[in-house]
Amino acid sequence: MLIESLRQEWRENLLCRMEKGETLFPGVHGYDDTVIPQIINAILSRHHFILLGLRGQAKSRILRGLVGFMDAQGAGSGRMWKLMTTPYRRFAALAENGLRGEGDSTPIAWLSRDHRYVEKLATPDG
């Protein structure tokens, strides 16, 4: 399932960055003993999590930092990435039909982190 593979990708890349001693969430200050350890535990456990808080508490910055845990390049065809119609199905119907028709000759593209992540703000000011 695509969701599980992304969680595994985040987990593996988080572990690599921790082993190297790299900064996990650049630009996020003051949460080293509270929020950051909880996020790390959630990623390592492959759990869902929700960031709640008042304006200015680094929620968006933390979410943008999660993109850094994605592989620099991810494989996929444009159909698979752009046409996912439901979070519970890996491919949209059109993508599945294209894969059935083209099989092993289906074109695969390497997508950067920026193309794999889209930010949608759900705040009155966003």
PDB file of N, CA and C in Angstrom:
ATOM      1  N   MET A   1       0.845  -1.180   0.000  1.00  0.00           N
ATOM      2  CA  MET A   1       0.000   0.000   0.000  1.00  0.00           C
ATOM      3  C   MET A   1       0.892   1.246   0.000  1.00  0.00           C
ATOM      4  N   LEU A   2       0.538   2.248  -0.749  1.00  0.00           N
ATOM      5  CA  LEU A   2       1.336   3.456  -0.908  1.00  0.00           C
ATOM      6  C   LEU A   2       1.562   4.161   0.421  1.00  0.00           C
ATOM      7  N   ILE A   3       0.563   4.240   1.271  1.00  0.00           N
ATOM      8  CA  ILE A   3       0.690   4.933   2.551  1.00  0.00           C
ATOM      9  C   ILE A   3       1.731   4.238   3.417  1.00  0.00           C
ATOM     10  N   GLU A   4       1.698   2.925   3.486  1.00  0.00           N
ATOM     11  CA  GLU A   4       2.676   2.202   4.275  1.00  0.00           C
ATOM     12  C   GLU A   4       4.083   2.391   3.732  1.00  0.00           C
ATOM     13  N   SER A   5       4.239   2.436   2.417  1.00  0.00           N
ATOM     14  CA  SER A   5       5.575   2.603   1.868  1.00  0.00           C
ATOM     15  C   SER A   5       6.112   3.993   2.185  1.00  0.00           C
ATOM     16  N   LEU A   6       5.278   5.008   2.213  1.00  0.00           N
ATOM     17  CA  LEU A   6       5.726   6.341   2.583  1.00  0.00           C
ATOM     18  C   LEU A   6       6.129   6.366   4.056  1.00  0.00           C
ATOM     19  N   ARG A   7       5.366   5.730   4.899  1.00  0.00           N
ATOM     20  CA  ARG A   7       5.724   5.675   6.322  1.00  0.00           C
ATOM     21  C   ARG A   7       7.055   4.956   6.515  1.00  0.00           C
ATOM     22  N   GLN A   8       7.262   3.882   5.762  1.00  0.00           N
ATOM     23  CA  GLN A   8       8.527   3.156   5.846  1.00  0.00           C
ATOM     24  C   GLN A   8       9.674   4.028   5.326  1.00  0.00           C
ATOM     25  N   GLU A   9       9.427   4.759   4.258  1.00  0.00           N
ATOM     26  CA  GLU A   9      10.424   5.674   3.690  1.00  0.00           C
ATOM     27  C   GLU A   9      10.816   6.733   4.720  1.00  0.00           C
ATOM     28  N   TRP A  10       9.819   7.352   5.365  1.00  0.00           N
ATOM     29  CA  TRP A  10      10.093   8.344   6.404  1.00  0.00           C
ATOM     30  C   TRP A  10      10.915   7.724   7.521  1.00  0.00           C
ATOM     31  N   ARG A  11      10.531   6.525   7.954  1.00  0.00           N
ATOM     32  CA  ARG A  11      11.209   5.859   9.074  1.00  0.00           C
ATOM     33  C   ARG A  11      12.673   5.603   8.743  1.00  0.00           C
ATOM     34  N   GLU A  12      12.928   5.031   7.589  1.00  0.00           N
ATOM     35  CA  GLU A  12      14.301   4.703   7.205  1.00  0.00           C
ATOM     36  C   GLU A  12      15.165   5.953   7.072  1.00  0.00           C
ATOM     37  N   ASN A  13      14.615   6.987   6.447  1.00  0.00           N
ATOM     38  CA  ASN A  13      15.379   8.220   6.284  1.00  0.00           C
ATOM     39  C   ASN A  13      15.577   8.949   7.611  1.00  0.00           C
ATOM     40  N   LEU A  14      14.593   8.878   8.504  1.00  0.00           N
ATOM     41  CA  LEU A  14      14.746   9.459   9.839  1.00  0.00           C
ATOM     42  C   LEU A  14      15.882   8.767  10.579  1.00  0.00           C
ATOM     43  N   LEU A  15      15.905   7.449  10.543  1.00  0.00           N
ATOM     44  CA  LEU A  15      16.967   6.705  11.224  1.00  0.00           C
ATOM     45  C   LEU A  15      18.345   7.074  10.678  1.00  0.00           C
ATOM     46  N   CYS A  16      18.458   7.214   9.355  1.00  0.00           N
ATOM     47  CA  CYS A  16      19.735   7.601   8.741  1.00  0.00           C
ATOM     48  C   CYS A  16      20.168   8.984   9.215  1.00  0.00           C
ATOM     49  N   ARG A  17      19.229   9.922   9.245  1.00  0.00           N
ATOM     50  CA  ARG A  17      19.566  11.283   9.672  1.00  0.00           C
ATOM     51  C   ARG A  17      19.924  11.330  11.155  1.00  0.00           C
ATOM     52  N   MET A  18      19.259  10.503  11.966  1.00  0.00           N
ATOM     53  CA  MET A  18      19.585  10.454  13.382  1.00  0.00           C
ATOM     54  C   MET A  18      20.980   9.875  13.595  1.00  0.00           C
ATOM     55  N   GLU A  19      21.324   8.823  12.840  1.00  0.00           N
ATOM     56  CA  GLU A  19      22.652   8.212  12.955  1.00  0.00           C
ATOM     57  C   GLU A  19      23.752   9.200  12.583  1.00  0.00           C
ATOM     58  N   LYS A  20      23.489  10.051  11.604  1.00  0.00           N
ATOM     59  CA  LYS A  20      24.475  11.043  11.167  1.00  0.00           C
ATOM     60  C   LYS A  20      24.512  12.269  12.074  1.00  0.00           C
ATOM     61  N   GLY A  21      23.533  12.380  12.981  1.00  0.00           N
ATOM     62  CA  GLY A  21      23.481  13.515  13.878  1.00  0.00           C
ATOM     63  C   GLY A  21      22.997  14.793  13.211  1.00  0.00           C
ATOM     64  N   GLU A  22      22.264  14.655  12.119  1.00  0.00           N
ATOM     65  CA  GLU A  22      21.766  15.820  11.382  1.00  0.00           C
ATOM     66  C   GLU A  22      20.584  16.462  12.114  1.00  0.00           C
ATOM     67  N   THR A  23      20.374  17.740  11.838  1.00  0.00           N
ATOM     68  CA  THR A  23      19.206  18.438  12.368  1.00  0.00           C
ATOM     69  C   THR A  23      17.963  17.865  11.710  1.00  0.00           C
ATOM     70  N   LEU A  24      16.999  17.470  12.499  1.00  0.00           N
ATOM     71  CA  LEU A  24      15.813  16.807  11.953  1.00  0.00           C
ATOM     72  C   LEU A  24      14.775  17.800  11.444  1.00  0.00           C
ATOM     73  N   PHE A  25      14.577  18.877  12.146  1.00  0.00           N
ATOM     74  CA  PHE A  25      13.588  19.883  11.756  1.00  0.00           C
ATOM     75  C   PHE A  25      14.249  21.259  11.775  1.00  0.00           C
ATOM     76  N   PRO A  26      14.950  21.621  10.691  1.00  0.00           N
ATOM     77  CA  PRO A  26      15.632  22.916  10.663  1.00  0.00           C
ATOM     78  C   PRO A  26      14.627  24.065  10.842  1.00  0.00           C
ATOM     79  N   GLY A  27      15.000  25.039  11.622  1.00  0.00           N
ATOM     80  CA  GLY A  27      14.158  26.215  11.823  1.00  0.00           C
ATOM     81  C   GLY A  27      13.105  26.057  12.900  1.00  0.00           C
ATOM     82  N   VAL A  28      12.994  24.890  13.506  1.00  0.00           N
ATOM     83  CA  VAL A  28      12.031  24.666  14.588  1.00  0.00           C
ATOM     84  C   VAL A  28      12.808  24.736  15.897  1.00  0.00           C
ATOM     85  N   HIS A  29      12.446  25.688  16.737  1.00  0.00           N
ATOM     86  CA  HIS A  29      13.187  25.910  17.978  1.00  0.00           C
ATOM     87  C   HIS A  29      12.260  25.798  19.186  1.00  0.00           C
ATOM     88  N   GLY A  30      12.791  25.255  20.277  1.00  0.00           N
ATOM     89  CA  GLY A  30      12.056  25.222  21.535  1.00  0.00           C
ATOM     90  C   GLY A  30      11.245  23.960  21.783  1.00  0.00           C
ATOM     91  N   TYR A  31      11.272  23.021  20.871  1.00  0.00           N
ATOM     92  CA  TYR A  31      10.473  21.799  21.036  1.00  0.00           C
ATOM     93  C   TYR A  31      11.332  20.544  21.144  1.00  0.00           C
ATOM     94  N   ASP A  32      12.634  20.713  21.393  1.00  0.00           N
ATOM     95  CA  ASP A  32      13.559  19.576  21.421  1.00  0.00           C
ATOM     96  C   ASP A  32      13.239  18.553  22.500  1.00  0.00           C
ATOM     97  N   ASP A  33      12.612  18.969  23.583  1.00  0.00           N
ATOM     98  CA  ASP A  33      12.305  18.059  24.684  1.00  0.00           C
ATOM     99  C   ASP A  33      10.830  17.689  24.764  1.00  0.00           C
ATOM    100  N   THR A  34      10.013  18.243  23.885  1.00  0.00           N
ATOM    101  CA  THR A  34       8.565  18.001  23.977  1.00  0.00           C
ATOM    102  C   THR A  34       8.009  17.440  22.674  1.00  0.00           C
ATOM    103  N   VAL A  35       7.784  18.286  21.710  1.00  0.00           N
ATOM    104  CA  VAL A  35       7.090  17.912  20.479  1.00  0.00           C
ATOM    105  C   VAL A  35       7.946  17.015  19.582  1.00  0.00           C
ATOM    106  N   ILE A  36       9.203  17.388  19.361  1.00  0.00           N
ATOM    107  CA  ILE A  36      10.066  16.646  18.428  1.00  0.00           C
ATOM    108  C   ILE A  36      10.210  15.175  18.831  1.00  0.00           C
ATOM    109  N   PRO A  37      10.474  14.847  20.113  1.00  0.00           N
ATOM    110  CA  PRO A  37      10.551  13.420  20.470  1.00  0.00           C
ATOM    111  C   PRO A  37       9.251  12.658  20.195  1.00  0.00           C
ATOM    112  N   GLN A  38       8.107  13.327  20.372  1.00  0.00           N
ATOM    113  CA  GLN A  38       6.831  12.663  20.107  1.00  0.00           C
ATOM    114  C   GLN A  38       6.643  12.409  18.616  1.00  0.00           C
ATOM    115  N   ILE A  39       7.061  13.361  17.794  1.00  0.00           N
ATOM    116  CA  ILE A  39       6.976  13.170  16.338  1.00  0.00           C
ATOM    117  C   ILE A  39       7.916  12.054  15.908  1.00  0.00           C
ATOM    118  N   ILE A  40       9.114  12.030  16.467  1.00  0.00           N
ATOM    119  CA  ILE A  40      10.073  10.967  16.143  1.00  0.00           C
ATOM    120  C   ILE A  40       9.490   9.611  16.502  1.00  0.00           C
ATOM    121  N   ASN A  41       8.893   9.498  17.691  1.00  0.00           N
ATOM    122  CA  ASN A  41       8.275   8.223  18.099  1.00  0.00           C
ATOM    123  C   ASN A  41       7.157   7.827  17.141  1.00  0.00           C
ATOM    124  N   ALA A  42       6.355   8.792  16.713  1.00  0.00           N
ATOM    125  CA  ALA A  42       5.255   8.490  15.787  1.00  0.00           C
ATOM    126  C   ALA A  42       5.795   7.998  14.452  1.00  0.00           C
ATOM    127  N   ILE A  43       6.840   8.647  13.934  1.00  0.00           N
ATOM    128  CA  ILE A  43       7.406   8.226  12.645  1.00  0.00           C
ATOM    129  C   ILE A  43       8.044   6.848  12.775  1.00  0.00           C
ATOM    130  N   LEU A  44       8.813   6.625  13.841  1.00  0.00           N
ATOM    131  CA  LEU A  44       9.461   5.327  14.026  1.00  0.00           C
ATOM    132  C   LEU A  44       8.430   4.210  14.185  1.00  0.00           C
ATOM    133  N   SER A  45       7.287   4.536  14.778  1.00  0.00           N
ATOM    134  CA  SER A  45       6.223   3.543  14.988  1.00  0.00           C
ATOM    135  C   SER A  45       5.265   3.459  13.802  1.00  0.00           C
ATOM    136  N   ARG A  46       5.494   4.307  12.784  1.00  0.00           N
ATOM    137  CA  ARG A  46       4.636   4.370  11.589  1.00  0.00           C
ATOM    138  C   ARG A  46       3.188   4.726  11.961  1.00  0.00           C
ATOM    139  N   HIS A  47       3.029   5.615  12.935  1.00  0.00           N
ATOM    140  CA  HIS A  47       1.700   6.020  13.392  1.00  0.00           C
ATOM    141  C   HIS A  47       1.228   7.276  12.670  1.00  0.00           C
ATOM    142  N   HIS A  48      -0.070   7.473  12.696  1.00  0.00           N
ATOM    143  CA  HIS A  48      -0.659   8.740  12.282  1.00  0.00           C
ATOM    144  C   HIS A  48      -0.439   9.728  13.421  1.00  0.00           C
ATOM    145  N   PHE A  49      -0.400  11.013  13.093  1.00  0.00           N
ATOM    146  CA  PHE A  49      -0.384  12.022  14.149  1.00  0.00           C
ATOM    147  C   PHE A  49      -0.993  13.303  13.621  1.00  0.00           C
ATOM    148  N   ILE A  50      -1.477  14.101  14.559  1.00  0.00           N
ATOM    149  CA  ILE A  50      -2.116  15.380  14.243  1.00  0.00           C
ATOM    150  C   ILE A  50      -1.362  16.460  15.008  1.00  0.00           C
ATOM    151  N   LEU A  51      -1.083  17.556  14.333  1.00  0.00           N
ATOM    152  CA  LEU A  51      -0.452  18.694  14.984  1.00  0.00           C
ATOM    153  C   LEU A  51      -1.530  19.733  15.290  1.00  0.00           C
ATOM    154  N   LEU A  52      -1.735  20.003  16.560  1.00  0.00           N
ATOM    155  CA  LEU A  52      -2.712  20.995  16.985  1.00  0.00           C
ATOM    156  C   LEU A  52      -2.001  22.091  17.754  1.00  0.00           C
ATOM    157  N   GLY A  53      -2.460  23.301  17.627  1.00  0.00           N
ATOM    158  CA  GLY A  53      -1.875  24.397  18.389  1.00  0.00           C
ATOM    159  C   GLY A  53      -2.331  25.735  17.854  1.00  0.00           C
ATOM    160  N   LEU A  54      -1.955  26.756  18.569  1.00  0.00           N
ATOM    161  CA  LEU A  54      -2.300  28.105  18.178  1.00  0.00           C
ATOM    162  C   LEU A  54      -1.409  28.576  17.039  1.00  0.00           C
ATOM    163  N   ARG A  55      -1.781  29.681  16.456  1.00  0.00           N
ATOM    164  CA  ARG A  55      -1.007  30.273  15.376  1.00  0.00           C
ATOM    165  C   ARG A  55       0.424  30.552  15.859  1.00  0.00           C
ATOM    166  N   GLY A  56       1.392  30.264  15.003  1.00  0.00           N
ATOM    167  CA  GLY A  56       2.780  30.580  15.308  1.00  0.00           C
ATOM    168  C   GLY A  56       3.517  29.529  16.112  1.00  0.00           C
ATOM    169  N   GLN A  57       2.980  28.320  16.202  1.00  0.00           N
ATOM    170  CA  GLN A  57       3.623  27.277  16.999  1.00  0.00           C
ATOM    171  C   GLN A  57       4.352  26.239  16.143  1.00  0.00           C
ATOM    172  N   ALA A  58       4.745  26.624  14.937  1.00  0.00           N
ATOM    173  CA  ALA A  58       5.615  25.830  14.057  1.00  0.00           C
ATOM    174  C   ALA A  58       4.958  24.583  13.466  1.00  0.00           C
ATOM    175  N   LYS A  59       3.645  24.527  13.439  1.00  0.00           N
ATOM    176  CA  LYS A  59       2.978  23.352  12.862  1.00  0.00           C
ATOM    177  C   LYS A  59       3.314  23.201  11.382  1.00  0.00           C
ATOM    178  N   SER A  60       3.160  24.267  10.616  1.00  0.00           N
ATOM    179  CA  SER A  60       3.451  24.197   9.182  1.00  0.00           C
ATOM    180  C   SER A  60       4.930  23.942   8.928  1.00  0.00           C
ATOM    181  N   ARG A  61       5.798  24.538   9.723  1.00  0.00           N
ATOM    182  CA  ARG A  61       7.240  24.328   9.551  1.00  0.00           C
ATOM    183  C   ARG A  61       7.603  22.875   9.822  1.00  0.00           C
ATOM    184  N   ILE A  62       6.975  22.262  10.807  1.00  0.00           N
ATOM    185  CA  ILE A  62       7.219  20.848  11.106  1.00  0.00           C
ATOM    186  C   ILE A  62       6.744  19.989   9.935  1.00  0.00           C
ATOM    187  N   LEU A  63       5.555  20.286   9.407  1.00  0.00           N
ATOM    188  CA  LEU A  63       5.050  19.517   8.271  1.00  0.00           C
ATOM    189  C   LEU A  63       5.969  19.644   7.064  1.00  0.00           C
ATOM    190  N   ARG A  64       6.462  20.841   6.808  1.00  0.00           N
ATOM    191  CA  ARG A  64       7.402  21.030   5.698  1.00  0.00           C
ATOM    192  C   ARG A  64       8.696  20.275   5.958  1.00  0.00           C
ATOM    193  N   GLY A  65       9.074  20.154   7.235  1.00  0.00           N
ATOM    194  CA  GLY A  65      10.276  19.394   7.585  1.00  0.00           C
ATOM    195  C   GLY A  65      10.122  17.908   7.312  1.00  0.00           C
ATOM    196  N   LEU A  66       8.890  17.411   7.361  1.00  0.00           N
ATOM    197  CA  LEU A  66       8.653  15.992   7.077  1.00  0.00           C
ATOM    198  C   LEU A  66       9.012  15.631   5.639  1.00  0.00           C
ATOM    199  N   VAL A  67       8.939  16.607   4.744  1.00  0.00           N
ATOM    200  CA  VAL A  67       9.301  16.360   3.345  1.00  0.00           C
ATOM    201  C   VAL A  67      10.761  15.937   3.264  1.00  0.00           C
ATOM    202  N   GLY A  68      11.587  16.429   4.181  1.00  0.00           N
ATOM    203  CA  GLY A  68      12.998  16.057   4.198  1.00  0.00           C
ATOM    204  C   GLY A  68      13.227  14.595   4.513  1.00  0.00           C
ATOM    205  N   PHE A  69      12.232  13.910   5.042  1.00  0.00           N
ATOM    206  CA  PHE A  69      12.357  12.480   5.328  1.00  0.00           C
ATOM    207  C   PHE A  69      11.947  11.620   4.140  1.00  0.00           C
ATOM    208  N   MET A  70      11.501  12.261   3.078  1.00  0.00           N
ATOM    209  CA  MET A  70      11.169  11.525   1.855  1.00  0.00           C
ATOM    210  C   MET A  70      12.446  11.320   1.047  1.00  0.00           C
ATOM    211  N   ASP A  71      12.496  10.267   0.257  1.00  0.00           N
ATOM    212  CA  ASP A  71      13.628  10.060  -0.634  1.00  0.00           C
ATOM    213  C   ASP A  71      13.724  11.243  -1.584  1.00  0.00           C
ATOM    214  N   ALA A  72      14.951  11.588  -1.987  1.00  0.00           N
ATOM    215  CA  ALA A  72      15.148  12.724  -2.891  1.00  0.00           C
ATOM    216  C   ALA A  72      14.409  12.513  -4.204  1.00  0.00           C
ATOM    217  N   GLN A  73      14.354  11.295  -4.671  1.00  0.00           N
ATOM    218  CA  GLN A  73      13.639  10.956  -5.903  1.00  0.00           C
ATOM    219  C   GLN A  73      12.755   9.749  -5.621  1.00  0.00           C
ATOM    220  N   GLY A  74      11.544   9.759  -6.129  1.00  0.00           N
ATOM    221  CA  GLY A  74      10.632   8.631  -6.003  1.00  0.00           C
ATOM    222  C   GLY A  74      10.161   8.199  -7.372  1.00  0.00           C
ATOM    223  N   ALA A  75      10.023   6.913  -7.571  1.00  0.00           N
ATOM    224  CA  ALA A  75       9.603   6.403  -8.876  1.00  0.00           C
ATOM    225  C   ALA A  75       8.091   6.387  -8.972  1.00  0.00           C
ATOM    226  N   GLY A  76       7.599   6.604 -10.161  1.00  0.00           N
ATOM    227  CA  GLY A  76       6.171   6.518 -10.411  1.00  0.00           C
ATOM    228  C   GLY A  76       5.856   7.058 -11.782  1.00  0.00           C
ATOM    229  N   SER A  77       4.755   6.657 -12.316  1.00  0.00           N
ATOM    230  CA  SER A  77       4.364   7.245 -13.593  1.00  0.00           C
ATOM    231  C   SER A  77       3.479   8.435 -13.281  1.00  0.00           C
ATOM    232  N   GLY A  78       3.405   9.377 -14.183  1.00  0.00           N
ATOM    233  CA  GLY A  78       2.569  10.548 -13.978  1.00  0.00           C
ATOM    234  C   GLY A  78       1.132  10.169 -13.705  1.00  0.00           C
ATOM    235  N   ARG A  79       0.670   9.102 -14.338  1.00  0.00           N
ATOM    236  CA  ARG A  79      -0.710   8.661 -14.121  1.00  0.00           C
ATOM    237  C   ARG A  79      -0.918   8.213 -12.685  1.00  0.00           C
ATOM    238  N   MET A  80       0.040   7.478 -12.139  1.00  0.00           N
ATOM    239  CA  MET A  80      -0.137   6.955 -10.787  1.00  0.00           C
ATOM    240  C   MET A  80      -0.149   8.073  -9.765  1.00  0.00           C
ATOM    241  N   TRP A  81       0.722   9.059  -9.906  1.00  0.00           N
ATOM    242  CA  TRP A  81       0.844  10.098  -8.896  1.00  0.00           C
ATOM    243  C   TRP A  81      -0.256  11.136  -9.008  1.00  0.00           C
ATOM    244  N   LYS A  82      -0.704  11.451 -10.203  1.00  0.00           N
ATOM    245  CA  LYS A  82      -1.654  12.539 -10.380  1.00  0.00           C
ATOM    246  C   LYS A  82      -3.101  12.092 -10.283  1.00  0.00           C
ATOM    247  N   LEU A  83      -3.373  10.812 -10.468  1.00  0.00           N
ATOM    248  CA  LEU A  83      -4.756  10.376 -10.580  1.00  0.00           C
ATOM    249  C   LEU A  83      -5.222   9.492  -9.434  1.00  0.00           C
ATOM    250  N   MET A  84      -4.642   9.639  -8.265  1.00  0.00           N
ATOM    251  CA  MET A  84      -5.123   8.858  -7.126  1.00  0.00           C
ATOM    252  C   MET A  84      -6.439   9.471  -6.680  1.00  0.00           C
ATOM    253  N   THR A  85      -7.514   8.720  -6.817  1.00  0.00           N
ATOM    254  CA  THR A  85      -8.838   9.268  -6.546  1.00  0.00           C
ATOM    255  C   THR A  85      -9.303   9.019  -5.122  1.00  0.00           C
ATOM    256  N   THR A  86      -8.701   8.096  -4.434  1.00  0.00           N
ATOM    257  CA  THR A  86      -9.104   7.793  -3.075  1.00  0.00           C
ATOM    258  C   THR A  86      -7.871   7.393  -2.278  1.00  0.00           C
ATOM    259  N   PRO A  87      -7.790   7.760  -1.011  1.00  0.00           N
ATOM    260  CA  PRO A  87      -6.614   7.390  -0.226  1.00  0.00           C
ATOM    261  C   PRO A  87      -6.515   5.896   0.058  1.00  0.00           C
ATOM    262  N   TYR A  88      -7.586   5.141  -0.205  1.00  0.00           N
ATOM    263  CA  TYR A  88      -7.575   3.724   0.115  1.00  0.00           C
ATOM    264  C   TYR A  88      -7.170   2.844  -1.066  1.00  0.00           C
ATOM    265  N   ARG A  89      -7.001   3.423  -2.229  1.00  0.00           N
ATOM    266  CA  ARG A  89      -6.600   2.658  -3.405  1.00  0.00           C
ATOM    267  C   ARG A  89      -5.277   3.199  -3.896  1.00  0.00           C
ATOM    268  N   ARG A  90      -4.399   2.306  -4.271  1.00  0.00           N
ATOM    269  CA  ARG A  90      -3.066   2.721  -4.684  1.00  0.00           C
ATOM    270  C   ARG A  90      -3.073   3.484  -5.994  1.00  0.00           C
ATOM    271  N   PHE A  91      -3.848   3.057  -6.943  1.00  0.00           N
ATOM    272  CA  PHE A  91      -3.878   3.696  -8.253  1.00  0.00           C
ATOM    273  C   PHE A  91      -5.320   4.049  -8.611  1.00  0.00           C
ATOM    274  N   ALA A  92      -5.464   5.101  -9.348  1.00  0.00           N
ATOM    275  CA  ALA A  92      -6.781   5.456  -9.867  1.00  0.00           C
ATOM    276  C   ALA A  92      -7.138   4.489 -10.990  1.00  0.00           C
ATOM    277  N   ALA A  93      -8.394   4.436 -11.330  1.00  0.00           N
ATOM    278  CA  ALA A  93      -8.854   3.509 -12.375  1.00  0.00           C
ATOM    279  C   ALA A  93      -8.129   3.752 -13.698  1.00  0.00           C
ATOM    280  N   LEU A  94      -7.955   4.999 -14.084  1.00  0.00           N
ATOM    281  CA  LEU A  94      -7.273   5.301 -15.337  1.00  0.00           C
ATOM    282  C   LEU A  94      -5.827   4.821 -15.308  1.00  0.00           C
ATOM    283  N   ALA A  95      -5.153   5.019 -14.170  1.00  0.00           N
ATOM    284  CA  ALA A  95      -3.775   4.550 -14.043  1.00  0.00           C
ATOM    285  C   ALA A  95      -3.718   3.030 -14.129  1.00  0.00           C
ATOM    286  N   GLU A  96      -4.652   2.354 -13.473  1.00  0.00           N
ATOM    287  CA  GLU A  96      -4.678   0.888 -13.522  1.00  0.00           C
ATOM    288  C   GLU A  96      -4.907   0.401 -14.946  1.00  0.00           C
ATOM    289  N   ASN A  97      -5.828   1.043 -15.664  1.00  0.00           N
ATOM    290  CA  ASN A  97      -6.080   0.640 -17.052  1.00  0.00           C
ATOM    291  C   ASN A  97      -4.847   0.864 -17.920  1.00  0.00           C
ATOM    292  N   GLY A  98      -4.146   1.975 -17.697  1.00  0.00           N
ATOM    293  CA  GLY A  98      -2.924   2.228 -18.445  1.00  0.00           C
ATOM    294  C   GLY A  98      -1.872   1.186 -18.167  1.00  0.00           C
ATOM    295  N   LEU A  99      -1.747   0.757 -16.908  1.00  0.00           N
ATOM    296  CA  LEU A  99      -0.779  -0.268 -16.560  1.00  0.00           C
ATOM    297  C   LEU A  99      -1.154  -1.610 -17.175  1.00  0.00           C
ATOM    298  N   ARG A 100      -2.454  -1.902 -17.211  1.00  0.00           N
ATOM    299  CA  ARG A 100      -2.889  -3.161 -17.840  1.00  0.00           C
ATOM    300  C   ARG A 100      -2.553  -3.166 -19.326  1.00  0.00           C
ATOM    301  N   GLY A 101      -2.738  -2.013 -19.967  1.00  0.00           N
ATOM    302  CA  GLY A 101      -2.490  -1.948 -21.405  1.00  0.00           C
ATOM    303  C   GLY A 101      -1.018  -1.923 -21.765  1.00  0.00           C
ATOM    304  N   GLU A 102      -0.214  -1.209 -20.973  1.00  0.00           N
ATOM    305  CA  GLU A 102       1.202  -1.048 -21.315  1.00  0.00           C
ATOM    306  C   GLU A 102       2.106  -2.036 -20.600  1.00  0.00           C
ATOM    307  N   GLY A 103       1.652  -2.581 -19.493  1.00  0.00           N
ATOM    308  CA  GLY A 103       2.437  -3.570 -18.765  1.00  0.00           C
ATOM    309  C   GLY A 103       3.820  -3.069 -18.397  1.00  0.00           C
ATOM    310  N   ASP A 104       4.835  -3.890 -18.694  1.00  0.00           N
ATOM    311  CA  ASP A 104       6.212  -3.545 -18.342  1.00  0.00           C
ATOM    312  C   ASP A 104       6.745  -2.353 -19.112  1.00  0.00           C
ATOM    313  N   SER A 105       6.093  -1.958 -20.181  1.00  0.00           N
ATOM    314  CA  SER A 105       6.574  -0.803 -20.943  1.00  0.00           C
ATOM    315  C   SER A 105       5.953   0.518 -20.454  1.00  0.00           C
ATOM    316  N   THR A 106       5.238   0.473 -19.313  1.00  0.00           N
ATOM    317  CA  THR A 106       4.662   1.691 -18.742  1.00  0.00           C
ATOM    318  C   THR A 106       5.787   2.671 -18.421  1.00  0.00           C
ATOM    319  N   PRO A 107       5.677   3.920 -18.869  1.00  0.00           N
ATOM    320  CA  PRO A 107       6.734   4.885 -18.582  1.00  0.00           C
ATOM    321  C   PRO A 107       6.798   5.218 -17.094  1.00  0.00           C
ATOM    322  N   ILE A 108       8.000   5.236 -16.565  1.00  0.00           N
ATOM    323  CA  ILE A 108       8.229   5.555 -15.163  1.00  0.00           C
ATOM    324  C   ILE A 108       9.053   6.836 -15.102  1.00  0.00           C
ATOM    325  N   ALA A 109       8.665   7.736 -14.251  1.00  0.00           N
ATOM    326  CA  ALA A 109       9.385   8.998 -14.083  1.00  0.00           C
ATOM    327  C   ALA A 109       9.889   9.083 -12.653  1.00  0.00           C
ATOM    328  N   TRP A 110      11.012   9.745 -12.472  1.00  0.00           N
ATOM    329  CA  TRP A 110      11.536   9.998 -11.136  1.00  0.00           C
ATOM    330  C   TRP A 110      11.041  11.365 -10.703  1.00  0.00           C
ATOM    331  N   LEU A 111      10.296  11.383  -9.613  1.00  0.00           N
ATOM    332  CA  LEU A 111       9.689  12.614  -9.123  1.00  0.00           C
ATOM    333  C   LEU A 111      10.445  13.108  -7.898  1.00  0.00           C
ATOM    334  N   SER A 112      10.722  14.398  -7.862  1.00  0.00           N
ATOM    335  CA  SER A 112      11.429  14.974  -6.721  1.00  0.00           C
ATOM    336  C   SER A 112      10.483  15.095  -5.529  1.00  0.00           C
ATOM    337  N   ARG A 113      11.060  15.388  -4.380  1.00  0.00           N
ATOM    338  CA  ARG A 113      10.246  15.589  -3.171  1.00  0.00           C
ATOM    339  C   ARG A 113       9.169  16.644  -3.397  1.00  0.00           C
ATOM    340  N   ASP A 114       9.556  17.721  -4.074  1.00  0.00           N
ATOM    341  CA  ASP A 114       8.610  18.815  -4.297  1.00  0.00           C
ATOM    342  C   ASP A 114       7.410  18.391  -5.132  1.00  0.00           C
ATOM    343  N   HIS A 115       7.594  17.432  -6.021  1.00  0.00           N
ATOM    344  CA  HIS A 115       6.480  16.959  -6.849  1.00  0.00           C
ATOM    345  C   HIS A 115       5.649  15.894  -6.138  1.00  0.00           C
ATOM    346  N   ARG A 116       6.196  15.292  -5.094  1.00  0.00           N
ATOM    347  CA  ARG A 116       5.478  14.260  -4.356  1.00  0.00           C
ATOM    348  C   ARG A 116       4.700  14.843  -3.188  1.00  0.00           C
ATOM    349  N   TYR A 117       4.957  16.092  -2.828  1.00  0.00           N
ATOM    350  CA  TYR A 117       4.326  16.716  -1.671  1.00  0.00           C
ATOM    351  C   TYR A 117       3.608  17.983  -2.112  1.00  0.00           C
ATOM    352  N   VAL A 118       2.359  18.113  -1.725  1.00  0.00           N
ATOM    353  CA  VAL A 118       1.585  19.305  -2.025  1.00  0.00           C
ATOM    354  C   VAL A 118       1.005  19.806  -0.716  1.00  0.00           C
ATOM    355  N   GLU A 119       1.158  21.086  -0.481  1.00  0.00           N
ATOM    356  CA  GLU A 119       0.671  21.668   0.770  1.00  0.00           C
ATOM    357  C   GLU A 119      -0.682  22.318   0.541  1.00  0.00           C
ATOM    358  N   LYS A 120      -1.642  21.961   1.378  1.00  0.00           N
ATOM    359  CA  LYS A 120      -2.967  22.568   1.352  1.00  0.00           C
ATOM    360  C   LYS A 120      -3.241  23.100   2.755  1.00  0.00           C
ATOM    361  N   LEU A 121      -3.239  24.413   2.903  1.00  0.00           N
ATOM    362  CA  LEU A 121      -3.507  24.992   4.208  1.00  0.00           C
ATOM    363  C   LEU A 121      -5.013  25.058   4.439  1.00  0.00           C
ATOM    364  N   ALA A 122      -5.419  24.699   5.647  1.00  0.00           N
ATOM    365  CA  ALA A 122      -6.840  24.697   5.996  1.00  0.00           C
ATOM    366  C   ALA A 122      -7.085  25.663   7.140  1.00  0.00           C
ATOM    367  N   THR A 123      -6.492  26.837   7.035  1.00  0.00           N
ATOM    368  CA  THR A 123      -6.664  27.839   8.073  1.00  0.00           C
ATOM    369  C   THR A 123      -7.360  29.055   7.473  1.00  0.00           C
ATOM    370  N   PRO A 124      -8.033  29.842   8.289  1.00  0.00           N
ATOM    371  CA  PRO A 124      -8.714  31.021   7.762  1.00  0.00           C
ATOM    372  C   PRO A 124      -7.748  32.015   7.097  1.00  0.00           C
ATOM    373  N   ASP A 125      -6.500  32.060   7.574  1.00  0.00           N
ATOM    374  CA  ASP A 125      -5.526  33.000   7.018  1.00  0.00           C
ATOM    375  C   ASP A 125      -4.691  32.374   5.905  1.00  0.00           C
ATOM    376  N   GLY A 126      -4.825  31.045   5.643  1.00  0.00           N
ATOM    377  CA  GLY A 126      -4.001  30.365   4.629  1.00  0.00           C
ATOM    378  C   GLY A 126      -4.710  30.268   3.357  1.00  0.00           C
TER     379      GLY A 126
END
